[in-house]
Amino acid sequence: GIGVGGGAMSGRVVFSGAEIDRWRREEPNTSLILMRSDTVPDDIQEIHAADGLLTARGGLTSHAAVVAHRMGKTCVVGCRNLVCNEKEKFGLFEQTVVESGDYISIDGREGSVYEGLMKIKEG
């Protein structure tokens, strides 16, 4: 993908505002990464509520990139290996399925996406 800022982070994958609300109640200290095929202006509440953003489409001037950058969110856009099924709440990276609530790690500088929870060096 294309890193558009915010450093690196790990968190649970979410696809909707309802999921964000649920995880905020159940695990208030857990970071949440909103996964989308792409974003539109109506997604602003979910983008604001999540800690990071990952999209399958988009570039440096895409809606997701501009909004995430302005909000100071960690963001990777244009992840061409990602097929995002928001309705069924899963993402597919070639042979790897990531479902709602699974942990992923994203690097908003490199544009990299990793399966699982990774230890992020503060700095």
N, C-alpha and C. Protein backbone atom coordinates (compact mmCIF):
# COMPACT_ATOMS: atom_id res chain seq x y z
N GLY A 1 0.82 -1.19 0.00
CA GLY A 1 0.00 0.00 0.00
C GLY A 1 0.86 1.25 0.00
N ILE A 2 0.20 2.36 0.20
CA ILE A 2 0.85 3.66 0.25
C ILE A 2 0.69 4.21 1.65
N GLY A 3 1.78 4.47 2.33
CA GLY A 3 1.72 5.05 3.66
C GLY A 3 1.47 6.55 3.55
N VAL A 4 0.51 7.03 4.33
CA VAL A 4 0.20 8.46 4.28
C VAL A 4 0.37 9.13 5.64
N GLY A 5 1.06 8.46 6.55
CA GLY A 5 1.41 9.12 7.80
C GLY A 5 0.90 8.43 9.04
N GLY A 6 1.35 8.99 10.15
CA GLY A 6 0.88 8.52 11.44
C GLY A 6 1.75 7.46 12.08
N GLY A 7 2.88 7.12 11.49
CA GLY A 7 3.74 6.12 12.11
C GLY A 7 3.21 4.72 11.93
N ALA A 8 3.48 3.87 12.91
CA ALA A 8 3.06 2.47 12.87
C ALA A 8 2.16 2.18 14.06
N MET A 9 1.26 1.21 13.89
CA MET A 9 0.36 0.84 14.98
C MET A 9 -0.15 -0.57 14.77
N SER A 10 -0.63 -1.16 15.87
CA SER A 10 -1.33 -2.44 15.85
C SER A 10 -2.70 -2.23 16.44
N GLY A 11 -3.66 -3.00 15.98
CA GLY A 11 -5.01 -2.88 16.53
C GLY A 11 -5.95 -3.91 15.94
N ARG A 12 -7.16 -3.90 16.46
CA ARG A 12 -8.20 -4.81 15.97
C ARG A 12 -8.85 -4.21 14.72
N VAL A 13 -9.17 -5.07 13.77
CA VAL A 13 -9.86 -4.66 12.55
C VAL A 13 -11.33 -4.44 12.85
N VAL A 14 -11.87 -3.33 12.36
CA VAL A 14 -13.30 -3.04 12.46
C VAL A 14 -13.79 -2.57 11.09
N PHE A 15 -15.10 -2.72 10.87
CA PHE A 15 -15.70 -2.35 9.59
C PHE A 15 -16.83 -1.35 9.72
N SER A 16 -17.26 -1.04 10.96
CA SER A 16 -18.42 -0.16 11.13
C SER A 16 -18.35 0.61 12.44
N GLY A 17 -19.19 1.62 12.52
CA GLY A 17 -19.30 2.39 13.75
C GLY A 17 -19.81 1.55 14.91
N ALA A 18 -20.72 0.63 14.63
CA ALA A 18 -21.25 -0.24 15.69
C ALA A 18 -20.14 -1.12 16.28
N GLU A 19 -19.26 -1.62 15.43
CA GLU A 19 -18.14 -2.42 15.92
C GLU A 19 -17.18 -1.57 16.75
N ILE A 20 -16.93 -0.36 16.30
CA ILE A 20 -16.06 0.55 17.05
C ILE A 20 -16.65 0.77 18.43
N ASP A 21 -17.95 1.06 18.50
CA ASP A 21 -18.61 1.27 19.80
C ASP A 21 -18.49 0.05 20.69
N ARG A 22 -18.70 -1.14 20.12
CA ARG A 22 -18.61 -2.38 20.90
C ARG A 22 -17.21 -2.57 21.49
N TRP A 23 -16.17 -2.42 20.67
CA TRP A 23 -14.81 -2.61 21.17
C TRP A 23 -14.42 -1.53 22.17
N ARG A 24 -14.92 -0.33 22.00
CA ARG A 24 -14.62 0.75 22.97
C ARG A 24 -15.21 0.42 24.34
N ARG A 25 -16.38 -0.24 24.35
CA ARG A 25 -16.98 -0.68 25.62
C ARG A 25 -16.22 -1.86 26.21
N GLU A 26 -15.93 -2.87 25.39
CA GLU A 26 -15.33 -4.11 25.87
C GLU A 26 -13.84 -3.99 26.17
N GLU A 27 -13.12 -3.26 25.34
CA GLU A 27 -11.67 -3.11 25.48
C GLU A 27 -11.28 -1.66 25.20
N PRO A 28 -11.56 -0.76 26.15
CA PRO A 28 -11.38 0.67 25.88
C PRO A 28 -9.95 1.09 25.53
N ASN A 29 -8.96 0.31 25.89
CA ASN A 29 -7.57 0.69 25.60
C ASN A 29 -7.01 0.05 24.33
N THR A 30 -7.83 -0.71 23.62
CA THR A 30 -7.39 -1.38 22.40
C THR A 30 -7.53 -0.44 21.20
N SER A 31 -6.48 -0.35 20.41
CA SER A 31 -6.53 0.45 19.18
C SER A 31 -7.36 -0.27 18.13
N LEU A 32 -8.05 0.53 17.31
CA LEU A 32 -8.95 -0.01 16.29
C LEU A 32 -8.55 0.53 14.92
N ILE A 33 -8.51 -0.37 13.93
CA ILE A 33 -8.15 0.00 12.56
C ILE A 33 -9.36 -0.25 11.67
N LEU A 34 -9.88 0.82 11.08
CA LEU A 34 -11.02 0.74 10.18
C LEU A 34 -10.53 0.25 8.82
N MET A 35 -11.10 -0.86 8.34
CA MET A 35 -10.74 -1.43 7.05
C MET A 35 -11.88 -1.17 6.07
N ARG A 36 -11.54 -0.61 4.93
CA ARG A 36 -12.54 -0.29 3.91
C ARG A 36 -11.97 -0.53 2.52
N SER A 37 -12.86 -0.76 1.57
CA SER A 37 -12.44 -0.78 0.17
C SER A 37 -11.96 0.61 -0.22
N ASP A 38 -12.74 1.59 0.18
CA ASP A 38 -12.46 2.99 -0.06
C ASP A 38 -13.30 3.77 0.93
N THR A 39 -13.09 5.06 1.06
CA THR A 39 -13.92 5.86 1.95
C THR A 39 -14.64 6.94 1.16
N VAL A 40 -15.74 7.41 1.75
CA VAL A 40 -16.54 8.51 1.21
C VAL A 40 -16.79 9.49 2.36
N PRO A 41 -17.23 10.70 2.05
CA PRO A 41 -17.46 11.68 3.12
C PRO A 41 -18.37 11.19 4.25
N ASP A 42 -19.32 10.32 3.95
CA ASP A 42 -20.22 9.80 5.00
C ASP A 42 -19.50 8.95 6.04
N ASP A 43 -18.26 8.53 5.76
CA ASP A 43 -17.49 7.70 6.69
C ASP A 43 -16.77 8.51 7.76
N ILE A 44 -16.94 9.80 7.79
CA ILE A 44 -16.15 10.67 8.67
C ILE A 44 -16.27 10.28 10.14
N GLN A 45 -17.45 9.88 10.60
CA GLN A 45 -17.61 9.51 12.01
C GLN A 45 -16.80 8.27 12.35
N GLU A 46 -16.81 7.27 11.47
CA GLU A 46 -16.04 6.05 11.70
C GLU A 46 -14.54 6.33 11.66
N ILE A 47 -14.12 7.15 10.70
CA ILE A 47 -12.70 7.50 10.60
C ILE A 47 -12.26 8.23 11.87
N HIS A 48 -13.07 9.15 12.32
CA HIS A 48 -12.75 9.92 13.53
C HIS A 48 -12.66 8.99 14.76
N ALA A 49 -13.58 8.03 14.86
CA ALA A 49 -13.65 7.15 16.03
C ALA A 49 -12.56 6.08 16.04
N ALA A 50 -12.07 5.69 14.87
CA ALA A 50 -11.02 4.67 14.79
C ALA A 50 -9.65 5.32 15.03
N ASP A 51 -8.67 4.46 15.31
CA ASP A 51 -7.31 4.95 15.54
C ASP A 51 -6.46 4.92 14.28
N GLY A 52 -6.83 4.05 13.35
CA GLY A 52 -6.09 3.93 12.10
C GLY A 52 -7.03 3.55 10.97
N LEU A 53 -6.51 3.62 9.75
CA LEU A 53 -7.34 3.39 8.57
C LEU A 53 -6.53 2.62 7.54
N LEU A 54 -7.17 1.61 6.93
CA LEU A 54 -6.57 0.82 5.86
C LEU A 54 -7.59 0.69 4.75
N THR A 55 -7.19 1.08 3.52
CA THR A 55 -8.10 0.95 2.39
C THR A 55 -7.45 0.16 1.25
N ALA A 56 -8.28 -0.52 0.49
CA ALA A 56 -7.81 -1.28 -0.66
C ALA A 56 -7.52 -0.37 -1.85
N ARG A 57 -8.26 0.71 -1.97
CA ARG A 57 -8.08 1.64 -3.09
C ARG A 57 -7.64 3.00 -2.55
N GLY A 58 -7.21 3.83 -3.47
CA GLY A 58 -6.85 5.19 -3.11
C GLY A 58 -5.38 5.48 -3.32
N GLY A 59 -5.07 6.75 -3.33
CA GLY A 59 -3.70 7.22 -3.51
C GLY A 59 -3.43 8.34 -2.53
N LEU A 60 -2.33 9.05 -2.75
CA LEU A 60 -1.93 10.11 -1.82
C LEU A 60 -2.95 11.24 -1.70
N THR A 61 -3.75 11.44 -2.73
CA THR A 61 -4.75 12.51 -2.67
C THR A 61 -6.18 11.98 -2.56
N SER A 62 -6.31 10.70 -2.22
CA SER A 62 -7.65 10.12 -2.05
C SER A 62 -8.34 10.68 -0.81
N HIS A 63 -9.63 10.49 -0.74
CA HIS A 63 -10.40 10.95 0.42
C HIS A 63 -9.82 10.38 1.71
N ALA A 64 -9.57 9.08 1.74
CA ALA A 64 -9.05 8.43 2.95
C ALA A 64 -7.71 9.03 3.36
N ALA A 65 -6.82 9.23 2.40
CA ALA A 65 -5.49 9.75 2.70
C ALA A 65 -5.55 11.17 3.25
N VAL A 66 -6.32 12.02 2.60
CA VAL A 66 -6.41 13.42 3.02
C VAL A 66 -7.05 13.55 4.39
N VAL A 67 -8.17 12.86 4.59
CA VAL A 67 -8.88 12.96 5.87
C VAL A 67 -8.03 12.37 7.00
N ALA A 68 -7.46 11.20 6.79
CA ALA A 68 -6.64 10.57 7.83
C ALA A 68 -5.44 11.45 8.18
N HIS A 69 -4.80 12.01 7.18
CA HIS A 69 -3.65 12.88 7.43
C HIS A 69 -4.07 14.11 8.25
N ARG A 70 -5.17 14.73 7.87
CA ARG A 70 -5.64 15.92 8.57
C ARG A 70 -6.06 15.61 10.01
N MET A 71 -6.51 14.37 10.25
CA MET A 71 -6.94 13.98 11.59
C MET A 71 -5.80 13.35 12.39
N GLY A 72 -4.64 13.23 11.80
CA GLY A 72 -3.49 12.66 12.51
C GLY A 72 -3.59 11.16 12.74
N LYS A 73 -4.28 10.46 11.86
CA LYS A 73 -4.46 9.01 11.99
C LYS A 73 -3.37 8.26 11.23
N THR A 74 -2.99 7.11 11.74
CA THR A 74 -2.11 6.21 11.00
C THR A 74 -2.94 5.64 9.85
N CYS A 75 -2.38 5.67 8.65
CA CYS A 75 -3.19 5.29 7.49
C CYS A 75 -2.34 4.67 6.39
N VAL A 76 -2.88 3.60 5.79
CA VAL A 76 -2.33 2.99 4.59
C VAL A 76 -3.47 2.91 3.59
N VAL A 77 -3.25 3.46 2.39
CA VAL A 77 -4.26 3.42 1.33
C VAL A 77 -3.71 2.66 0.13
N GLY A 78 -4.60 2.30 -0.77
CA GLY A 78 -4.18 1.67 -2.01
C GLY A 78 -3.48 0.34 -1.83
N CYS A 79 -3.93 -0.45 -0.86
CA CYS A 79 -3.35 -1.76 -0.61
C CYS A 79 -3.94 -2.73 -1.64
N ARG A 80 -3.27 -2.83 -2.78
CA ARG A 80 -3.85 -3.56 -3.91
C ARG A 80 -3.99 -5.05 -3.67
N ASN A 81 -3.33 -5.62 -2.67
CA ASN A 81 -3.50 -7.04 -2.35
C ASN A 81 -4.72 -7.29 -1.48
N LEU A 82 -5.40 -6.24 -1.05
CA LEU A 82 -6.55 -6.37 -0.16
C LEU A 82 -7.85 -6.38 -0.94
N VAL A 83 -8.67 -7.38 -0.67
CA VAL A 83 -10.05 -7.40 -1.13
C VAL A 83 -10.89 -7.28 0.14
N CYS A 84 -11.61 -6.18 0.26
CA CYS A 84 -12.36 -5.89 1.48
C CYS A 84 -13.84 -6.16 1.27
N ASN A 85 -14.42 -7.00 2.10
CA ASN A 85 -15.85 -7.29 2.05
C ASN A 85 -16.47 -6.71 3.32
N GLU A 86 -16.90 -5.47 3.24
CA GLU A 86 -17.44 -4.77 4.41
C GLU A 86 -18.75 -5.40 4.90
N LYS A 87 -19.57 -5.89 3.98
CA LYS A 87 -20.85 -6.49 4.36
C LYS A 87 -20.65 -7.75 5.20
N GLU A 88 -19.73 -8.61 4.78
CA GLU A 88 -19.46 -9.86 5.50
C GLU A 88 -18.38 -9.70 6.57
N LYS A 89 -17.79 -8.51 6.66
CA LYS A 89 -16.80 -8.16 7.69
C LYS A 89 -15.53 -9.01 7.66
N PHE A 90 -14.89 -9.01 6.47
CA PHE A 90 -13.59 -9.65 6.38
C PHE A 90 -12.78 -8.99 5.26
N GLY A 91 -11.48 -9.13 5.37
CA GLY A 91 -10.56 -8.70 4.33
C GLY A 91 -9.74 -9.89 3.89
N LEU A 92 -9.40 -9.94 2.61
CA LEU A 92 -8.63 -11.04 2.06
C LEU A 92 -7.35 -10.48 1.46
N PHE A 93 -6.22 -10.94 1.98
CA PHE A 93 -4.90 -10.61 1.44
C PHE A 93 -4.36 -11.87 0.79
N GLU A 94 -4.56 -12.03 -0.51
CA GLU A 94 -4.19 -13.23 -1.23
C GLU A 94 -4.78 -14.45 -0.53
N GLN A 95 -4.00 -15.20 0.27
CA GLN A 95 -4.50 -16.41 0.93
C GLN A 95 -4.86 -16.19 2.40
N THR A 96 -4.65 -14.98 2.92
CA THR A 96 -4.87 -14.71 4.34
C THR A 96 -6.17 -13.94 4.54
N VAL A 97 -7.05 -14.50 5.37
CA VAL A 97 -8.32 -13.86 5.70
C VAL A 97 -8.18 -13.16 7.04
N VAL A 98 -8.61 -11.92 7.09
CA VAL A 98 -8.62 -11.14 8.33
C VAL A 98 -10.07 -10.77 8.60
N GLU A 99 -10.57 -11.19 9.75
CA GLU A 99 -11.96 -10.95 10.10
C GLU A 99 -12.08 -9.85 11.15
N SER A 100 -13.28 -9.35 11.29
CA SER A 100 -13.56 -8.33 12.29
C SER A 100 -13.06 -8.79 13.66
N GLY A 101 -12.31 -7.92 14.33
CA GLY A 101 -11.78 -8.24 15.65
C GLY A 101 -10.38 -8.82 15.64
N ASP A 102 -9.92 -9.30 14.47
CA ASP A 102 -8.55 -9.81 14.37
C ASP A 102 -7.56 -8.66 14.50
N TYR A 103 -6.36 -8.98 14.93
CA TYR A 103 -5.31 -7.97 15.02
C TYR A 103 -4.52 -7.88 13.71
N ILE A 104 -4.23 -6.65 13.31
CA ILE A 104 -3.29 -6.39 12.23
C ILE A 104 -2.39 -5.24 12.69
N SER A 105 -1.31 -5.05 11.96
CA SER A 105 -0.40 -3.94 12.22
C SER A 105 -0.17 -3.22 10.91
N ILE A 106 -0.15 -1.89 10.96
CA ILE A 106 0.06 -1.10 9.75
C ILE A 106 1.18 -0.10 9.99
N ASP A 107 1.91 0.19 8.92
CA ASP A 107 2.98 1.18 8.98
C ASP A 107 2.63 2.30 8.01
N GLY A 108 2.24 3.44 8.56
CA GLY A 108 1.82 4.58 7.77
C GLY A 108 2.96 5.32 7.10
N ARG A 109 4.18 4.91 7.33
CA ARG A 109 5.32 5.50 6.61
C ARG A 109 5.67 4.66 5.40
N GLU A 110 5.75 3.34 5.60
CA GLU A 110 6.14 2.42 4.52
C GLU A 110 4.96 1.98 3.65
N GLY A 111 3.76 1.97 4.23
CA GLY A 111 2.61 1.43 3.53
C GLY A 111 2.48 -0.07 3.70
N SER A 112 3.12 -0.61 4.73
CA SER A 112 3.10 -2.06 4.97
C SER A 112 1.95 -2.46 5.88
N VAL A 113 1.48 -3.70 5.68
CA VAL A 113 0.43 -4.28 6.52
C VAL A 113 0.92 -5.65 6.96
N TYR A 114 0.75 -5.94 8.25
CA TYR A 114 1.21 -7.21 8.82
C TYR A 114 0.06 -7.88 9.56
N GLU A 115 0.02 -9.20 9.48
CA GLU A 115 -0.96 -9.97 10.22
C GLU A 115 -0.53 -10.03 11.68
N GLY A 116 -1.48 -9.83 12.58
CA GLY A 116 -1.22 -10.01 13.99
C GLY A 116 -0.82 -8.73 14.72
N LEU A 117 -0.69 -8.90 16.01
CA LEU A 117 -0.31 -7.82 16.93
C LEU A 117 1.20 -7.76 17.00
N MET A 118 1.75 -6.62 16.67
CA MET A 118 3.21 -6.46 16.71
C MET A 118 3.57 -5.43 17.77
N LYS A 119 4.71 -5.64 18.36
CA LYS A 119 5.22 -4.67 19.34
C LYS A 119 5.74 -3.45 18.57
N ILE A 120 5.20 -2.30 18.89
CA ILE A 120 5.59 -1.06 18.20
C ILE A 120 6.50 -0.27 19.10
N LYS A 121 7.64 0.10 18.58
CA LYS A 121 8.60 0.88 19.35
C LYS A 121 8.15 2.35 19.39
N GLU A 122 7.97 2.85 20.60
CA GLU A 122 7.61 4.26 20.77
C GLU A 122 8.82 5.11 20.46
N GLY A 123 8.59 6.24 19.84
CA GLY A 123 9.76 7.07 19.58
C GLY A 123 9.44 8.25 18.87
